[in-house]
N, C-alpha and C. Protein backbone atom coordinates (compact mmCIF):
# COMPACT_ATOMS: atom_id res chain seq x y z
N UNK A 1 45.09 -44.85 13.89
CA UNK A 1 45.12 -43.59 13.07
C UNK A 1 43.38 -42.94 13.31
N UNK A 2 43.46 -41.78 13.95
CA UNK A 2 42.20 -41.52 14.40
C UNK A 2 41.47 -40.19 13.22
N UNK A 3 40.26 -40.79 12.62
CA UNK A 3 39.31 -39.72 11.89
C UNK A 3 39.31 -38.42 12.67
N UNK A 4 40.13 -37.32 11.81
CA UNK A 4 39.64 -36.30 12.05
C UNK A 4 38.34 -35.27 11.67
N UNK A 5 37.55 -34.83 12.04
CA UNK A 5 36.39 -34.36 11.89
C UNK A 5 36.39 -32.74 12.03
N UNK A 6 37.00 -32.95 10.21
CA UNK A 6 37.49 -31.61 9.73
C UNK A 6 35.94 -30.27 9.66
N UNK A 7 35.26 -30.92 9.30
CA UNK A 7 33.87 -30.21 9.63
C UNK A 7 33.67 -29.24 10.70
N UNK A 8 33.64 -30.25 12.00
CA UNK A 8 34.00 -29.57 13.35
C UNK A 8 34.93 -28.36 13.72
N UNK A 9 36.00 -28.94 13.55
CA UNK A 9 36.86 -27.62 13.25
C UNK A 9 37.20 -27.31 12.67
N UNK A 10 36.70 -27.11 11.34
CA UNK A 10 36.99 -25.94 11.00
C UNK A 10 35.66 -24.77 11.00
N UNK A 11 34.25 -25.54 12.11
CA UNK A 11 33.18 -24.54 12.10
C UNK A 11 33.59 -24.03 13.60
N UNK A 12 34.47 -24.72 14.04
CA UNK A 12 34.49 -23.66 15.46
C UNK A 12 35.06 -21.96 15.92
N UNK A 13 34.25 -21.49 16.65
CA UNK A 13 34.35 -20.16 16.81
C UNK A 13 35.98 -19.67 16.99
N UNK A 14 36.10 -21.11 18.04
CA UNK A 14 37.48 -20.53 19.24
C UNK A 14 39.16 -20.66 17.72
N UNK A 15 38.88 -21.68 16.92
CA UNK A 15 39.76 -21.60 16.49
C UNK A 15 39.79 -20.46 15.69
N UNK A 16 38.69 -19.54 14.60
CA UNK A 16 38.76 -18.29 13.83
C UNK A 16 39.03 -17.28 14.77
N UNK A 17 38.71 -17.61 15.93
CA UNK A 17 39.22 -16.26 16.94
C UNK A 17 40.69 -16.72 17.16
N UNK A 18 41.06 -17.43 17.55
CA UNK A 18 42.17 -17.69 17.39
C UNK A 18 43.42 -17.69 16.03
N UNK A 19 42.69 -17.51 14.62
CA UNK A 19 43.25 -17.53 13.54
C UNK A 19 43.64 -15.77 13.50
N UNK A 20 42.55 -14.86 13.90
CA UNK A 20 41.63 -13.38 13.62
C UNK A 20 42.81 -12.99 14.44
N UNK A 21 42.87 -13.23 15.76
CA UNK A 21 44.25 -12.77 16.84
C UNK A 21 45.63 -12.87 15.99
N UNK A 22 46.16 -13.90 16.15
CA UNK A 22 47.58 -14.41 15.45
C UNK A 22 47.70 -13.74 14.09
N UNK A 23 46.67 -13.65 13.14
CA UNK A 23 46.74 -12.81 12.12
C UNK A 23 47.05 -10.97 12.14
N UNK A 24 46.08 -10.60 13.44
CA UNK A 24 46.13 -9.64 13.27
C UNK A 24 47.30 -9.00 14.39
N UNK A 25 47.80 -9.79 15.04
CA UNK A 25 49.09 -9.51 16.28
C UNK A 25 49.56 -9.66 15.12
N UNK A 26 50.28 -10.77 13.93
CA UNK A 26 51.16 -10.75 13.31
C UNK A 26 51.47 -9.23 12.24
N UNK A 27 50.15 -8.75 11.87
CA UNK A 27 50.50 -7.11 10.87
C UNK A 27 51.11 -6.43 11.92
N UNK A 28 50.27 -6.24 13.44
CA UNK A 28 51.04 -5.08 14.32
C UNK A 28 52.40 -5.28 14.36
N UNK A 29 52.84 -6.55 14.91
CA UNK A 29 54.28 -7.07 15.30
C UNK A 29 55.06 -6.24 14.20
N UNK A 30 54.68 -6.69 12.78
CA UNK A 30 55.51 -6.69 11.83
C UNK A 30 55.46 -5.52 11.14
N UNK A 31 55.07 -4.27 12.38
CA UNK A 31 54.90 -2.88 11.53
C UNK A 31 53.48 -2.40 10.84
N UNK A 32 52.55 -3.06 10.93
CA UNK A 32 51.72 -2.75 10.50
C UNK A 32 50.78 -1.74 11.22
N UNK A 33 49.70 -1.14 10.47
CA UNK A 33 49.15 -0.43 11.85
C UNK A 33 47.72 -1.11 12.22
N UNK A 34 47.41 -0.58 13.57
CA UNK A 34 46.65 -1.02 14.25
C UNK A 34 45.15 -1.21 14.02
N UNK A 35 44.87 -0.44 13.19
CA UNK A 35 43.26 -0.61 12.61
C UNK A 35 43.69 -1.66 11.22
N UNK A 36 44.73 -1.47 10.55
CA UNK A 36 44.66 -2.44 9.36
C UNK A 36 44.69 -3.77 10.14
N UNK A 37 45.14 -4.47 11.29
CA UNK A 37 45.26 -5.83 12.24
C UNK A 37 43.92 -6.06 12.17
N UNK A 38 42.97 -4.48 13.24
CA UNK A 38 41.44 -4.54 13.41
C UNK A 38 41.06 -5.06 11.94
N UNK A 39 41.09 -4.61 11.19
CA UNK A 39 40.28 -4.66 9.89
C UNK A 39 40.65 -6.16 9.27
N UNK A 40 42.02 -6.85 8.89
CA UNK A 40 41.58 -8.14 8.33
C UNK A 40 41.27 -9.04 9.25
N UNK A 41 41.54 -8.88 11.19
CA UNK A 41 40.72 -9.49 12.07
C UNK A 41 39.13 -9.61 11.45
N UNK A 42 38.69 -8.22 11.11
CA UNK A 42 37.39 -8.29 11.06
C UNK A 42 36.82 -9.49 9.95
N UNK A 43 37.72 -9.12 9.04
CA UNK A 43 37.51 -10.09 7.69
C UNK A 43 37.47 -11.36 7.78
N UNK A 44 38.16 -11.87 8.72
CA UNK A 44 38.83 -13.25 8.96
C UNK A 44 37.10 -13.79 9.55
N UNK A 45 37.25 -13.18 10.77
CA UNK A 45 35.44 -12.82 11.38
C UNK A 45 34.37 -13.71 10.65
N UNK A 46 34.06 -12.51 9.66
CA UNK A 46 33.09 -12.67 8.93
C UNK A 46 32.94 -13.72 7.90
N UNK A 47 34.55 -13.86 7.18
CA UNK A 47 35.04 -15.14 6.48
C UNK A 47 34.34 -16.69 7.07
N UNK A 48 35.03 -16.70 8.46
CA UNK A 48 34.80 -17.67 9.03
C UNK A 48 33.00 -18.19 9.37
N UNK A 49 32.35 -16.63 9.66
CA UNK A 49 31.22 -16.72 9.90
C UNK A 49 30.21 -17.48 8.87
N UNK A 50 30.67 -16.64 7.88
CA UNK A 50 29.37 -17.49 6.07
C UNK A 50 30.23 -18.80 6.02
N UNK A 51 30.98 -19.40 6.30
CA UNK A 51 31.36 -20.43 6.11
C UNK A 51 30.97 -21.79 7.26
N UNK A 52 31.05 -21.64 8.16
CA UNK A 52 30.33 -21.94 9.76
C UNK A 52 28.83 -22.27 9.31
N UNK A 53 28.53 -20.96 8.42
CA UNK A 53 27.01 -21.12 7.93
C UNK A 53 26.97 -21.89 6.87
N UNK A 54 27.17 -22.08 6.09
CA UNK A 54 27.02 -22.77 4.81
C UNK A 54 27.67 -24.15 4.92
N UNK A 55 27.82 -24.61 6.22
CA UNK A 55 28.42 -25.96 6.03
C UNK A 55 27.53 -26.08 7.32
N UNK A 56 26.95 -25.88 8.26
CA UNK A 56 26.09 -26.11 8.98
C UNK A 56 24.40 -25.92 8.23
N UNK A 57 24.37 -25.88 7.16
CA UNK A 57 23.08 -25.58 6.53
C UNK A 57 23.25 -27.27 5.20
N UNK A 58 24.60 -26.91 5.21
CA UNK A 58 24.45 -28.10 4.27
C UNK A 58 24.65 -29.60 5.11
N UNK A 59 24.93 -29.47 6.18
CA UNK A 59 24.63 -30.34 6.87
C UNK A 59 23.41 -30.74 7.78
N UNK A 60 22.33 -29.82 7.79
CA UNK A 60 20.89 -29.95 8.00
C UNK A 60 20.14 -30.45 6.74
N UNK A 61 21.08 -29.85 5.76
CA UNK A 61 20.04 -30.37 4.59
C UNK A 61 20.42 -31.72 4.29
N UNK A 62 21.88 -31.93 4.59
CA UNK A 62 21.86 -33.61 4.00
C UNK A 62 20.81 -34.64 5.26
N UNK A 63 21.38 -34.48 6.29
CA UNK A 63 20.17 -34.95 7.42
C UNK A 63 19.01 -35.01 7.42
N UNK A 64 18.50 -33.51 6.56
CA UNK A 64 17.06 -34.55 6.27
C UNK A 64 16.81 -34.66 4.84
N UNK A 65 17.25 -34.37 4.35
CA UNK A 65 16.57 -36.06 2.64
C UNK A 65 17.07 -37.15 3.70
N UNK A 66 18.25 -37.84 4.54
CA UNK A 66 18.51 -39.08 5.19
C UNK A 66 17.29 -39.27 5.60
N UNK A 67 16.39 -38.45 6.21
CA UNK A 67 15.64 -38.29 6.89
C UNK A 67 14.01 -39.28 5.58
N UNK A 68 13.99 -38.20 5.14
CA UNK A 68 13.16 -38.24 3.97
C UNK A 68 13.18 -39.59 3.39
N UNK A 69 14.42 -40.02 2.61
CA UNK A 69 14.94 -41.01 2.38
C UNK A 69 14.36 -42.45 2.82
N UNK A 70 15.27 -41.89 4.49
CA UNK A 70 14.14 -43.74 5.04
C UNK A 70 13.15 -43.66 5.09
N UNK A 71 12.14 -42.36 5.07
CA UNK A 71 10.58 -42.42 5.46
C UNK A 71 10.29 -42.94 4.35
N UNK A 72 10.89 -42.51 3.07
CA UNK A 72 9.91 -43.31 1.95
C UNK A 72 10.63 -44.63 1.75
N UNK A 73 11.33 -45.31 2.03
CA UNK A 73 11.44 -46.69 2.31
C UNK A 73 10.91 -47.68 3.09
N UNK A 74 10.40 -46.63 4.80
CA UNK A 74 10.11 -47.42 5.16
C UNK A 74 8.33 -47.39 4.79
N UNK A 75 7.73 -46.42 3.82
CA UNK A 75 6.69 -46.52 3.75
C UNK A 75 5.99 -47.85 2.49
N UNK A 76 7.57 -47.22 1.64
CA UNK A 76 6.96 -48.61 0.57
C UNK A 76 7.11 -50.09 1.09
N UNK A 77 7.80 -49.92 1.85
CA UNK A 77 8.20 -51.68 2.91
C UNK A 77 6.65 -52.00 3.63
N UNK A 78 6.15 -51.32 4.22
CA UNK A 78 4.79 -51.23 4.26
C UNK A 78 3.55 -51.50 3.42
N UNK A 79 3.99 -50.96 2.38
CA UNK A 79 2.70 -50.97 1.38
C UNK A 79 2.53 -52.29 0.75
N UNK A 80 4.74 -52.99 0.64
CA UNK A 80 4.52 -54.21 0.43
C UNK A 80 3.61 -55.34 1.07
């Protein structure tokens, strides 16, 4: 079975645009006001943007930590 890269999927703008569009259209289709659908879609996109930023920064921090650890290991091996 294939491993799913959930981080990549959850930070996809296309996914969040599709989710926002679906939810807003469902609100309108079930009798809600268009302005309500627009507001909900805007909230979903704002939340998705914040989520993508947080995950992205976490990945950058994690990769820079790995580089620091590898560099320190290489330097300690060279000194020996």
